[in-house]
Protein backbone atom coordinates (compact mmCIF):
# COMPACT_ATOMS: atom_id res chain seq x y z
CA UNK A 1 18.50 7.79 -2.14
CA UNK A 2 20.34 4.61 -1.29
CA UNK A 3 22.12 1.48 -2.39
CA UNK A 4 22.69 -2.08 -1.23
CA UNK A 5 24.90 -5.02 -2.09
CA UNK A 6 24.34 -8.71 -1.39
CA UNK A 7 27.20 -10.86 -0.12
CA UNK A 8 27.75 -14.58 0.49
CA UNK A 9 30.09 -14.26 3.48
CA UNK A 10 31.99 -17.22 4.89
CA UNK A 11 31.62 -15.78 8.41
CA UNK A 12 28.78 -13.60 9.76
CA UNK A 13 28.83 -9.81 9.39
CA UNK A 14 26.67 -7.67 11.70
CA UNK A 15 25.85 -3.98 12.10
CA UNK A 16 28.65 -3.70 14.65
CA UNK A 17 31.07 -4.25 11.73
CA UNK A 18 29.74 -1.35 9.65
CA UNK A 19 31.97 1.29 11.22
CA UNK A 20 35.12 -0.68 10.32
CA UNK A 21 33.83 -1.26 6.78
CA UNK A 22 33.10 2.47 6.40
CA UNK A 23 36.63 3.27 7.57
CA UNK A 24 38.09 0.98 4.90
CA UNK A 25 35.81 2.57 2.29
CA UNK A 26 37.13 6.03 3.16
CA UNK A 27 40.71 4.86 2.69
CA UNK A 28 39.79 3.53 -0.75
CA UNK A 29 38.06 6.84 -1.56
CA UNK A 30 41.22 8.77 -0.66
CA UNK A 31 43.29 6.50 -2.92
CA UNK A 32 41.47 8.05 -5.89
CA UNK A 33 40.89 4.73 -7.63
CA UNK A 34 39.29 5.17 -11.09
CA UNK A 35 36.16 3.33 -12.20
CA UNK A 36 37.15 1.85 -15.57
CA UNK A 37 34.49 0.69 -18.03
CA UNK A 38 35.25 -2.44 -20.06
CA UNK A 39 33.25 -4.53 -22.51
CA UNK A 40 33.87 -8.28 -22.59
CA UNK A 41 32.41 -10.91 -24.84
CA UNK A 42 29.98 -13.26 -23.12
CA UNK A 43 32.60 -16.03 -23.29
CA UNK A 44 35.27 -13.78 -21.73
CA UNK A 45 32.93 -12.61 -18.97
CA UNK A 46 31.87 -16.15 -18.11
CA UNK A 47 35.51 -17.27 -17.98
CA UNK A 48 36.51 -14.30 -15.78
CA UNK A 49 33.75 -14.72 -13.20
CA UNK A 50 34.10 -18.49 -13.18
CA UNK A 51 37.81 -18.02 -12.40
CA UNK A 52 36.79 -15.74 -9.51
CA UNK A 53 34.26 -18.28 -8.19
CA UNK A 54 31.37 -15.82 -8.72
CA UNK A 55 28.49 -18.20 -9.48
CA UNK A 56 25.83 -15.56 -8.84
CA UNK A 57 27.40 -13.33 -11.53
CA UNK A 58 27.34 -16.26 -13.95
CA UNK A 59 23.61 -16.66 -13.29
CA UNK A 60 23.00 -12.97 -13.94
CA UNK A 61 24.95 -13.09 -17.21
CA UNK A 62 22.87 -16.08 -18.33
CA UNK A 63 19.53 -14.46 -17.39
CA UNK A 64 20.03 -10.72 -17.89
CA UNK A 65 22.62 -10.08 -20.61
CA UNK A 66 21.28 -9.89 -24.16
CA UNK A 67 23.65 -10.34 -27.07
CA UNK A 68 27.36 -11.11 -26.85
CA UNK A 69 28.62 -7.96 -25.08
CA UNK A 70 28.88 -7.82 -21.28
CA UNK A 71 29.39 -4.40 -19.64
CA UNK A 72 31.64 -4.38 -16.58
CA UNK A 73 33.41 -1.82 -14.37
CA UNK A 74 36.78 -2.35 -12.74
CA UNK A 75 37.88 -0.58 -9.51
CA UNK A 76 41.34 -1.70 -8.52
CA UNK A 77 41.12 -5.48 -8.20
CA UNK A 78 37.32 -5.42 -7.94
CA UNK A 79 35.30 -6.33 -11.04
CA UNK A 80 31.53 -6.15 -11.30
CA UNK A 81 28.70 -6.31 -13.81
CA UNK A 82 27.38 -2.80 -14.44
CA UNK A 83 25.68 -1.03 -17.33
CA UNK A 84 26.87 2.36 -16.04
CA UNK A 85 27.33 5.26 -16.33
CA UNK A 86 29.63 5.72 -13.32
CA UNK A 87 31.45 8.43 -11.43
CA UNK A 88 35.04 8.97 -12.60
CA UNK A 89 36.81 7.91 -9.42
CA UNK A 90 36.29 6.89 -5.81
CA UNK A 91 37.29 10.45 -4.84
CA UNK A 92 34.01 11.68 -6.38
CA UNK A 93 32.17 9.98 -3.50
CA UNK A 94 31.89 12.96 -1.13
CA UNK A 95 29.46 11.74 1.53
CA UNK A 96 28.20 8.25 2.33
CA UNK A 97 27.11 6.10 5.24
CA UNK A 98 26.32 2.44 5.76
CA UNK A 99 22.92 2.06 7.39
CA UNK A 100 22.05 -1.52 8.29
CA UNK A 101 22.49 -5.22 7.64
CA UNK A 102 19.67 -7.58 6.67
CA UNK A 103 19.14 -11.06 5.27
CA UNK A 104 17.98 -11.30 1.66
CA UNK A 105 17.17 -14.33 -0.45
CA UNK A 106 19.07 -14.43 -3.70
CA UNK A 107 16.87 -12.70 -6.30
CA UNK A 108 14.02 -12.48 -3.76
CA UNK A 109 13.26 -16.21 -3.95
CA UNK A 110 12.91 -17.98 -0.59
CA UNK A 111 13.87 -21.27 -2.27
CA UNK A 112 17.31 -19.83 -3.03
CA UNK A 113 20.24 -19.15 -0.63
CA UNK A 114 19.98 -16.34 1.90
CA UNK A 115 22.68 -13.70 1.51
CA UNK A 116 23.75 -10.79 3.71
CA UNK A 117 22.52 -7.44 2.40
CA UNK A 118 24.32 -4.25 3.45
CA UNK A 119 22.37 -1.01 2.92
CA UNK A 120 23.94 2.41 2.54
CA UNK A 121 23.31 5.89 1.20
CA UNK A 122 25.49 8.36 -0.72
CA UNK A 123 25.07 12.09 -1.43
CA UNK A 124 26.95 14.84 -3.28
CA UNK A 125 27.61 16.84 -0.09
CA UNK A 126 27.95 16.14 3.66
CA UNK A 127 25.03 18.52 4.32
CA UNK A 128 22.71 16.54 2.05
CA UNK A 129 23.78 13.36 3.82
CA UNK A 130 23.05 14.92 7.20
CA UNK A 131 19.64 16.12 6.01
CA UNK A 132 18.82 12.65 4.73
CA UNK A 133 19.84 10.98 7.98
CA UNK A 134 17.54 13.37 9.86
CA UNK A 135 14.76 12.44 7.45
CA UNK A 136 15.40 8.75 8.12
CA UNK A 137 15.19 9.37 11.85
CA UNK A 138 11.79 11.02 11.45
CA UNK A 139 10.61 8.32 9.03
CA UNK A 140 11.58 5.65 11.56
CA UNK A 141 9.36 7.34 14.15
CA UNK A 142 6.48 7.13 11.67
CA UNK A 143 7.11 3.58 10.49
CA UNK A 144 3.73 1.87 10.51
CA UNK A 145 5.18 -1.43 11.74
CA UNK A 146 6.66 0.28 14.81
CA UNK A 147 3.57 2.40 15.58
CA UNK A 148 1.23 -0.51 14.85
CA UNK A 149 2.98 -2.52 17.53
CA UNK A 150 3.17 0.34 20.06
CA UNK A 151 -0.52 1.26 19.68
CA UNK A 152 -1.63 -2.40 19.39
CA UNK A 153 -3.28 -1.89 16.01
CA UNK A 154 -2.21 -5.09 14.24
CA UNK A 155 0.17 -8.00 14.57
CA UNK A 156 1.79 -10.73 12.48
CA UNK A 157 2.35 -14.17 13.99
CA UNK A 158 4.39 -16.97 12.40
CA UNK A 159 1.74 -19.48 13.49
CA UNK A 160 -0.69 -17.74 11.14
CA UNK A 161 1.93 -17.00 8.49
CA UNK A 162 3.92 -14.13 6.98
CA UNK A 163 1.91 -11.53 5.09
CA UNK A 164 -1.29 -12.48 6.94
CA UNK A 165 -1.80 -9.66 9.46
CA UNK A 166 -4.21 -9.88 12.38
CA UNK A 167 -6.25 -6.74 13.02
CA UNK A 168 -6.34 -6.07 16.76
CA UNK A 169 -9.43 -4.39 18.31
CA UNK A 170 -8.21 -0.78 17.88
CA UNK A 171 -6.99 -1.41 14.33
CA UNK A 172 -10.23 -3.18 13.46
CA UNK A 173 -12.17 -0.16 14.76
CA UNK A 174 -10.29 2.16 12.39
CA UNK A 175 -10.87 -0.22 9.50
CA UNK A 176 -14.59 -0.40 10.31
CA UNK A 177 -14.84 3.41 10.22
CA UNK A 178 -12.98 3.53 6.90
CA UNK A 179 -15.27 0.91 5.39
CA UNK A 180 -18.41 2.71 6.59
CA UNK A 181 -17.16 5.97 5.11
CA UNK A 182 -16.25 4.32 1.79
CA UNK A 183 -19.45 2.29 1.41
CA UNK A 184 -21.76 5.18 2.36
CA UNK A 185 -20.09 7.46 -0.19
CA UNK A 186 -20.25 4.83 -2.94
CA UNK A 187 -23.92 4.10 -2.26
CA UNK A 188 -24.61 7.83 -2.57
CA UNK A 189 -22.85 7.79 -5.96
CA UNK A 190 -24.94 4.97 -7.37
CA UNK A 191 -22.81 1.92 -6.60
CA UNK A 192 -24.49 -1.40 -5.81
CA UNK A 193 -22.64 -3.17 -3.00
CA UNK A 194 -22.46 -6.98 -3.04
CA UNK A 195 -20.75 -9.78 -1.10
CA UNK A 196 -19.04 -12.64 -2.90
CA UNK A 197 -16.97 -15.63 -1.66
CA UNK A 198 -13.19 -15.71 -1.39
CA UNK A 199 -13.00 -18.82 -3.59
CA UNK A 200 -14.31 -19.96 -6.96
CA UNK A 201 -13.84 -22.87 -9.30
CA UNK A 202 -10.53 -22.78 -11.11
CA UNK A 203 -12.41 -22.77 -14.44
CA UNK A 204 -13.68 -19.25 -13.70
CA UNK A 205 -10.09 -17.94 -13.53
CA UNK A 206 -9.16 -19.88 -16.65
CA UNK A 207 -11.95 -18.11 -18.49
CA UNK A 208 -10.82 -14.71 -17.18
CA UNK A 209 -7.19 -15.46 -18.11
CA UNK A 210 -5.83 -15.11 -14.58
CA UNK A 211 -4.92 -18.81 -14.33
CA UNK A 212 -2.72 -18.44 -17.42
CA UNK A 213 -1.32 -14.89 -17.11
CA UNK A 214 -1.41 -14.23 -13.35
CA UNK A 215 -0.43 -17.69 -12.17
CA UNK A 216 2.75 -16.68 -10.31
CA UNK A 217 0.66 -14.65 -7.80
CA UNK A 218 -2.05 -17.29 -7.29
CA UNK A 219 -2.15 -19.99 -4.63
CA UNK A 220 -2.23 -23.63 -5.76
CA UNK A 221 -5.82 -24.80 -6.30
CA UNK A 222 -7.54 -26.90 -3.65
CA UNK A 223 -8.21 -30.29 -5.24
CA UNK A 224 -10.96 -32.62 -4.05
CA UNK A 225 -11.65 -36.31 -4.57
CA UNK A 226 -14.54 -35.63 -6.97
CA UNK A 227 -12.17 -33.71 -9.27
CA UNK A 228 -13.40 -30.25 -8.30
CA UNK A 229 -10.71 -27.56 -8.01
CA UNK A 230 -11.32 -24.40 -5.98
CA UNK A 231 -9.06 -21.37 -6.12
CA UNK A 232 -8.50 -18.56 -3.62
CA UNK A 233 -9.31 -15.52 -5.68
CA UNK A 234 -6.54 -13.03 -6.51
CA UNK A 235 -9.14 -10.52 -7.80
CA UNK A 236 -12.87 -9.85 -7.54
CA UNK A 237 -13.72 -9.12 -11.19
CA UNK A 238 -14.83 -12.65 -12.28
CA UNK A 239 -17.31 -12.82 -9.37
CA UNK A 240 -18.75 -9.42 -10.31
CA UNK A 241 -19.02 -10.49 -13.96
CA UNK A 242 -21.09 -13.50 -12.84
CA UNK A 243 -23.42 -11.11 -10.96
CA UNK A 244 -23.75 -8.94 -14.08
CA UNK A 245 -24.67 -12.05 -16.09
CA UNK A 246 -27.32 -13.13 -13.57
CA UNK A 247 -29.90 -11.15 -15.58
CA UNK A 248 -30.22 -9.74 -19.08
CA UNK A 249 -29.25 -6.08 -18.85
CA UNK A 250 -30.75 -3.23 -20.84
CA UNK A 251 -29.04 0.00 -21.87
CA UNK A 252 -31.38 1.57 -19.30
CA UNK A 253 -29.57 -0.41 -16.55
CA UNK A 254 -26.19 1.01 -17.53
CA UNK A 255 -23.88 2.17 -16.19
CA UNK A 256 -24.08 -0.63 -13.64
CA UNK A 257 -21.58 -0.10 -10.81
CA UNK A 258 -20.97 -3.28 -8.79
CA UNK A 259 -18.83 -2.66 -5.68
CA UNK A 260 -17.43 -4.69 -2.82
CA UNK A 261 -14.74 -4.53 -0.17
CA UNK A 262 -13.67 -8.01 -1.15
CA UNK A 263 -10.92 -10.24 0.20
CA UNK A 264 -8.14 -11.12 -2.25
CA UNK A 265 -5.32 -13.64 -1.91
CA UNK A 266 -2.00 -13.24 -3.69
CA UNK A 267 1.15 -15.24 -3.17
CA UNK A 268 3.85 -12.63 -2.66
CA UNK A 269 7.39 -13.88 -2.04
CA UNK A 270 8.29 -13.68 1.63
CA UNK A 271 11.23 -11.38 0.89
CA UNK A 272 8.87 -8.74 -0.55
CA UNK A 273 6.42 -8.62 2.38
CA UNK A 274 6.36 -5.30 4.31
CA UNK A 275 4.08 -4.96 7.35
CA UNK A 276 0.62 -3.94 6.15
CA UNK A 277 1.94 -2.40 2.93
CA UNK A 278 2.60 -5.62 1.03
CA UNK A 279 0.69 -8.68 2.26
CA UNK A 280 -0.71 -11.96 1.00
CA UNK A 281 -4.33 -11.40 2.03
CA UNK A 282 -6.03 -8.03 1.72
CA UNK A 283 -9.47 -6.44 1.41
CA UNK A 284 -9.77 -4.31 -1.72
CA UNK A 285 -12.15 -1.37 -2.10
CA UNK A 286 -13.11 -2.69 -5.51
CA UNK A 287 -15.75 -1.92 -8.12
CA UNK A 288 -16.51 -2.91 -11.69
CA UNK A 289 -18.53 -0.58 -13.86
CA UNK A 290 -20.32 -1.98 -16.90
CA UNK A 291 -21.09 0.82 -19.34
CA UNK A 292 -21.75 1.72 -22.97
CA UNK A 293 -19.03 3.30 -25.15
CA UNK A 294 -20.78 6.70 -24.83
CA UNK A 295 -20.65 6.43 -21.02
CA UNK A 296 -16.99 5.40 -20.79
CA UNK A 297 -15.42 8.84 -20.45
CA UNK A 298 -17.87 9.95 -17.77
CA UNK A 299 -17.33 6.77 -15.75
CA UNK A 300 -13.52 7.02 -15.91
CA UNK A 301 -13.67 10.65 -14.77
CA UNK A 302 -16.18 9.74 -12.06
CA UNK A 303 -13.83 7.03 -10.75
CA UNK A 304 -10.92 9.51 -10.68
CA UNK A 305 -13.06 12.10 -8.88
CA UNK A 306 -14.11 9.55 -6.25
CA UNK A 307 -10.47 8.59 -5.62
CA UNK A 308 -9.60 12.28 -5.29
CA UNK A 309 -12.45 12.79 -2.82
CA UNK A 310 -11.31 9.87 -0.67
CA UNK A 311 -7.74 11.20 -0.81
CA UNK A 312 -8.85 14.67 0.26
CA UNK A 313 -10.87 13.48 3.26
CA UNK A 314 -8.17 11.05 4.39
CA UNK A 315 -5.28 13.47 3.92
CA UNK A 316 -3.47 11.64 1.11
CA UNK A 317 -1.59 14.56 -0.42
CA UNK A 318 1.70 13.44 -1.95
CA UNK A 319 0.68 11.40 -4.99
CA UNK A 320 1.13 11.42 -8.76
CA UNK A 321 -0.51 9.73 -11.74
CA UNK A 322 0.95 7.01 -13.91
CA UNK A 323 -0.74 5.67 -17.03
CA UNK A 324 0.41 2.05 -17.12
CA UNK A 325 0.57 0.64 -20.65
CA UNK A 326 1.55 -2.63 -22.30
CA UNK A 327 4.98 -3.41 -23.75
CA UNK A 328 5.95 -5.52 -26.76
CA UNK A 329 6.01 -8.90 -24.96
CA UNK A 330 3.02 -10.36 -26.76
CA UNK A 331 2.37 -13.35 -24.49
CA UNK A 332 1.79 -11.08 -21.45
CA UNK A 333 -1.40 -9.46 -22.72
CA UNK A 334 -4.91 -10.29 -23.90
CA UNK A 335 -6.45 -8.70 -26.98
CA UNK A 336 -5.34 -6.66 -29.96
CA UNK A 337 -3.40 -3.43 -30.23
CA UNK A 338 -6.36 -1.38 -31.51
CA UNK A 339 -8.51 -1.97 -28.41
CA UNK A 340 -5.55 -1.27 -26.15
CA UNK A 341 -4.90 2.03 -27.89
CA UNK A 342 -8.56 3.00 -27.52
CA UNK A 343 -8.55 2.15 -23.81
CA UNK A 344 -5.26 3.97 -23.23
CA UNK A 345 -6.52 7.06 -25.08
CA UNK A 346 -9.63 7.15 -22.87
CA UNK A 347 -7.53 7.18 -19.70
CA UNK A 348 -5.19 9.90 -20.98
CA UNK A 349 -8.07 12.05 -22.25
CA UNK A 350 -9.84 11.79 -18.88
CA UNK A 351 -6.75 12.96 -16.97
CA UNK A 352 -5.98 15.73 -19.45
CA UNK A 353 -9.56 17.01 -19.42
CA UNK A 354 -9.27 17.29 -15.62
CA UNK A 355 -6.01 19.23 -15.90
CA UNK A 356 -3.90 16.42 -14.48
CA UNK A 357 -0.37 15.56 -15.61
CA UNK A 358 0.93 11.99 -15.68
CA UNK A 359 3.90 9.80 -16.57
CA UNK A 360 3.86 6.62 -18.65
CA UNK A 361 4.71 3.23 -17.12
CA UNK A 362 5.47 0.95 -20.07
CA UNK A 363 4.82 -2.71 -19.27
CA UNK A 364 2.98 -1.89 -16.02
CA UNK A 365 -0.57 -2.47 -17.30
CA UNK A 366 -2.93 -5.19 -16.12
CA UNK A 367 -2.91 -8.11 -18.58
CA UNK A 368 -6.41 -7.18 -19.80
CA UNK A 369 -6.01 -3.42 -20.17
CA UNK A 370 -4.17 -0.16 -19.37
CA UNK A 371 -4.72 1.68 -16.11
CA UNK A 372 -4.24 4.89 -14.20
CA UNK A 373 -2.22 4.28 -11.03
CA UNK A 374 -2.29 6.77 -8.16
CA UNK A 375 1.32 6.57 -6.96
CA UNK A 376 1.71 7.40 -3.27
CA UNK A 377 4.87 7.60 -1.13
CA UNK A 378 5.17 6.18 2.37
CA UNK A 379 7.17 7.71 5.22
CA UNK A 380 10.37 6.25 3.75
CA UNK A 381 9.58 7.80 0.32
CA UNK A 382 8.96 4.36 -1.17
CA UNK A 383 6.42 4.64 -3.98
CA UNK A 384 3.42 2.31 -4.16
CA UNK A 385 0.08 2.18 -5.98
CA UNK A 386 -2.91 3.07 -3.82
CA UNK A 387 -5.86 3.77 -6.13
CA UNK A 388 -6.33 2.56 -9.70
CA UNK A 389 -8.69 3.00 -12.66
CA UNK A 390 -8.56 0.47 -15.53
CA UNK A 391 -10.37 0.26 -18.88
CA UNK A 392 -11.05 -3.27 -20.08
CA UNK A 393 -12.35 -4.48 -23.46
CA UNK A 394 -11.03 -8.02 -22.96
CA UNK A 395 -12.99 -9.62 -20.10
CA UNK A 396 -16.38 -8.56 -21.55
CA UNK A 397 -15.30 -10.40 -24.69
CA UNK A 398 -14.00 -13.50 -22.88
CA UNK A 399 -17.25 -13.78 -20.89
CA UNK A 400 -19.46 -12.81 -23.87
CA UNK A 401 -21.10 -9.97 -21.91
CA UNK A 402 -24.12 -8.28 -23.49
CA UNK A 403 -26.74 -5.62 -22.99
CA UNK A 404 -29.86 -4.84 -25.02
CA UNK A 405 -29.29 -1.57 -26.87
CA UNK A 406 -31.97 1.04 -27.58
CA UNK A 407 -32.56 -0.44 -31.05
CA UNK A 408 -33.05 -3.93 -29.58
CA UNK A 409 -29.68 -5.29 -30.71
CA UNK A 410 -27.26 -7.09 -28.40
CA UNK A 411 -24.13 -5.01 -27.70
CA UNK A 412 -20.93 -5.55 -25.72
CA UNK A 413 -20.43 -3.38 -22.60
CA UNK A 414 -17.03 -1.95 -21.60
CA UNK A 415 -15.70 -2.66 -18.11
CA UNK A 416 -14.03 -0.10 -15.86
CA UNK A 417 -12.17 -1.70 -12.95
CA UNK A 418 -11.48 0.77 -10.13
CA UNK A 419 -10.15 0.75 -6.59
CA UNK A 420 -10.87 4.27 -5.37
CA UNK A 421 -9.39 3.84 -1.88
CA UNK A 422 -7.22 0.81 -2.64
CA UNK A 423 -6.60 -2.07 -0.24
CA UNK A 424 -7.59 -1.55 3.38
CA UNK A 425 -4.24 -2.90 4.58
CA UNK A 426 -2.12 -0.63 2.36
CA UNK A 427 -4.35 2.38 3.06
CA UNK A 428 -4.07 1.67 6.80
CA UNK A 429 -0.26 1.53 6.64
CA UNK A 430 -0.23 4.89 4.86
CA UNK A 431 -2.60 6.53 7.36
CA UNK A 432 -0.58 5.27 10.34
CA UNK A 433 2.52 6.95 8.91
CA UNK A 434 0.67 10.04 7.65
CA UNK A 435 -0.62 10.81 11.15
CA UNK A 436 2.14 9.04 13.15
CA UNK A 437 -0.69 7.22 14.96
CA UNK A 438 -2.45 10.48 15.93
CA UNK A 439 -5.47 9.78 13.71
CA UNK A 440 -8.19 12.39 13.16
CA UNK A 441 -10.87 12.18 15.82
CA UNK A 442 -13.42 10.54 13.49
CA UNK A 443 -10.99 7.68 12.80
CA UNK A 444 -9.30 7.25 16.17
CA UNK A 445 -10.27 4.00 17.95
CA UNK A 446 -10.87 5.87 21.24
CA UNK A 447 -12.10 9.42 20.80
CA UNK A 448 -12.44 10.39 24.47
CA UNK A 449 -11.03 9.01 27.71
CA UNK A 450 -12.91 10.13 30.83
CA UNK A 451 -10.58 10.36 33.85
CA UNK A 452 -12.05 10.69 37.36
CA UNK A 453 -9.65 12.39 39.78
CA UNK A 454 -10.80 10.12 42.64
CA UNK A 455 -13.16 7.19 42.99
CA UNK A 456 -15.75 9.62 44.38
CA UNK A 457 -16.23 10.96 40.83
CA UNK A 458 -16.47 7.55 39.19
CA UNK A 459 -20.27 7.62 38.91
CA UNK A 460 -20.19 11.04 37.27
CA UNK A 461 -17.42 9.87 34.92
CA UNK A 462 -19.65 7.02 33.80
CA UNK A 463 -22.56 9.42 33.22
CA UNK A 464 -20.24 11.58 31.07
CA UNK A 465 -19.26 8.48 29.07
CA UNK A 466 -22.91 7.46 28.62
CA UNK A 467 -23.78 10.92 27.28
CA UNK A 468 -20.92 10.82 24.79
CA UNK A 469 -21.78 7.28 23.72
CA UNK A 470 -25.37 8.37 23.08
CA UNK A 471 -23.87 10.50 20.27
CA UNK A 472 -22.11 7.42 18.84
CA UNK A 473 -18.72 8.48 20.17
CA UNK A 474 -16.12 5.91 21.24
CA UNK A 475 -15.37 6.47 24.92
CA UNK A 476 -13.43 4.80 27.72
CA UNK A 477 -13.55 5.49 31.46
CA UNK A 478 -10.13 5.09 33.08
CA UNK A 479 -11.13 3.66 36.46
CA UNK A 480 -7.71 2.18 37.24
CA UNK A 481 -6.30 2.79 40.75
CA UNK A 482 -3.54 5.01 39.30
CA UNK A 483 -2.68 8.65 39.90
CA UNK A 484 -4.37 11.10 37.54
CA UNK A 485 -1.04 12.21 35.98
CA UNK A 486 -0.22 8.60 35.14
CA UNK A 487 -3.58 8.21 33.41
CA UNK A 488 -2.97 11.41 31.44
CA UNK A 489 0.47 10.22 30.32
CA UNK A 490 -0.99 6.89 29.23
CA UNK A 491 -3.70 8.68 27.23
CA UNK A 492 -1.06 10.83 25.56
CA UNK A 493 0.98 7.74 24.67
CA UNK A 494 -2.11 6.30 23.00
CA UNK A 495 -2.53 9.61 21.09
CA UNK A 496 -6.18 9.90 22.19
CA UNK A 497 -7.75 13.13 20.81
CA UNK A 498 -9.51 14.19 24.05
CA UNK A 499 -9.30 13.46 27.75
CA UNK A 500 -12.19 14.65 29.92
CA UNK A 501 -10.95 15.05 33.50
CA UNK A 502 -13.63 15.21 36.18
CA UNK A 503 -13.23 16.13 39.83
CA UNK A 504 -15.61 17.22 42.57
CA UNK A 505 -16.22 20.67 41.03
CA UNK A 506 -16.95 19.22 37.57
CA UNK A 507 -19.34 16.65 39.04
CA UNK A 508 -21.19 19.35 40.94
CA UNK A 509 -21.56 21.70 37.92
CA UNK A 510 -21.98 19.10 35.10
CA UNK A 511 -18.73 20.30 33.55
CA UNK A 512 -15.60 18.57 32.22
CA UNK A 513 -12.01 19.73 32.14
CA UNK A 514 -10.90 19.05 28.56
CA UNK A 515 -7.33 18.19 27.65
CA UNK A 516 -6.73 17.85 23.91
CA UNK A 517 -3.90 16.06 22.11
CA UNK A 518 -1.53 19.07 21.94
CA UNK A 519 -1.95 19.43 25.73
CA UNK A 520 -4.24 22.49 25.81
CA UNK A 521 -6.74 22.57 28.67
CA UNK A 522 -10.13 24.27 28.89
CA UNK A 523 -13.21 24.01 31.10
CA UNK A 524 -16.53 23.29 29.38
CA UNK A 525 -20.05 22.18 30.11
CA UNK A 526 -20.65 18.54 29.33
CA UNK A 527 -23.20 19.41 26.65
CA UNK A 528 -20.88 21.87 24.87
CA UNK A 529 -18.05 19.35 24.87
CA UNK A 530 -20.28 16.54 23.60
CA UNK A 531 -21.62 18.74 20.81
CA UNK A 532 -18.12 19.91 19.83
CA UNK A 533 -16.69 16.38 19.51
CA UNK A 534 -19.78 15.03 17.73
CA UNK A 535 -19.58 17.88 15.17
CA UNK A 536 -15.87 17.29 14.60
CA UNK A 537 -16.52 13.60 13.96
CA UNK A 538 -19.52 14.22 11.69
CA UNK A 539 -17.52 16.66 9.55
CA UNK A 540 -14.54 14.28 9.41
CA UNK A 541 -12.12 17.07 10.21
CA UNK A 542 -8.40 16.41 9.97
C-alpha cells in the first residue's frame, strides 16, 4: 500500500516541498513516458552507474545481483535497478500522493550515511486513494506512540537509550494486570513458573548455538579481569534447560512445562525501532515444554489453544498463521533435514487437525527448528509476529537432555518453545491501537473516578472510593478545585470507563450518578454500581 525512495540530496528537502514534487510527477505522468526494461551485463551496469556517480547502486549490484545479468528499467533519462515487472507507462499511474519525509540510514545501518526517505502511496483509482488516506487518518489517531504519550503510558528518553522504553505508572498497571491474567491461566494449565537472571556466562549461549548463529542480535559480552564473560540473554531457553537438568526427570514428570515472563535483550538497529512494537529490551511470555514423542502433538495443540484463548480474551482478532521453515542456506541451521521435516510435519498436522489454514514462510524458522507464527497487523496494517510455537529436536541434543523412560532406559525429550501472548511490549502496543486507549474496564489503569460536585461531598466521595477499593477496583477521587464539567472532560480525555458523580442528594441516599465512557448517565445505589463494575472486571468483558 505504499512506496518510498531514499535520496542523497545536496540541499535539504522537507515536507513543505512535497506538493511541488507531486506537481512535477503529474507532468511526467501526462507525458506518457514508457518504462523500458533492459538487461545489462554486470560490467556494463557498473560502468553506467559509475558514470552517473551512483555509488549506492554500485554497492547494491555487488551485494544483491547474482550472475552476470543486471535488470534495469529506463524512464526517460532516469535509470534504476529493478527486477520488475512494471506498468507500461507513467500514464498508467492513476492516483498517487506523497505522504512524508524521514531520515533513513543507508541499508538500515546507523554506521552508514543518513539519507532522505520520501514516502508515498499509489492506487488504481482516485477513490481507492481517498479511501486509503481516510484509513491513514484513522490509523494515526490509533498510533500507540501518540496515544502512549497522551495517556502517559510509556516514554522513551535518549538518556536511557533508544528501544528501551520506560513504563509509566498507568502503563505499568496495565502490564501488571496482563501478567496476572497470563500467569494465573498458565498455572491452571499445569505450567511451572520460574524466575531466572537476565545474564548468563557466554559459554551457555555457545552451547545453545546462539553465540554462533544469533550473534548479530546479541550485545557484546561483559568481560571481567578474571576472564569471565557474561552475556545479556537474547532468549530464555538455555536458562530453562538448566532448570530441567537440575534433577533427573522420569517419564512420569513429563510433560514438564517451565514458564516465565522473562526479560530478553536484543540489539536491533536503531533504524528499525518502533515505539513499543520493536524494542531492544522486552519481557517475553515464554515457556519451554519438555515432552516425550507421544506427547508432542498434544503439547503443540495445547500451546496453540492457549494462544487462541489469550487472543480471544484480549480482542486480538485479525491474525493469520505462518509455518516458518528453513531454506537451503546450510550454515544458518542446526541439525539434519530428517528431524526438521519431522518437526515441521508436527506443526502442520496440529494446525490442520484444528481446522486452521496457514501459509509457508521459507527461511523464517528459528535456527534450531520450525515454528508457527501468529501474524498480527497493527493499526497501520503492518504485519508482525505476536505468538509463536516452535518444535525443537536440536537443543535437547546439544545439552544432552534425558529422561528415564518406562522401561528404565534413558531417552531424549523433545522441546516445544512457545510464547502464547508474546512480548509484553509488543502486546501492549497492539492493545493500545486495538482499543485506541479505551481499554476494557478490567485492564484500564483507572476503572472509576469519583467526582464530588462540591467540597461538601468530599467525605462521601472518599467513602464511595473505599467501598470500590474493597472490591479490588482501581479508583481515584478527583478533589481538585475545578468545576465539575472540567473534571468530567478530563476523565473523558483519559478514557476512564466510569465516573461516579456525587452531590448532596447522592450523599444523602447512598447513591451515585454514573457516567460511562460513551456518555450515558444513570442513577444507581452505591452497592449496585460496585457489584456491576466488580462483575464486569471479574468476567474480563470487552
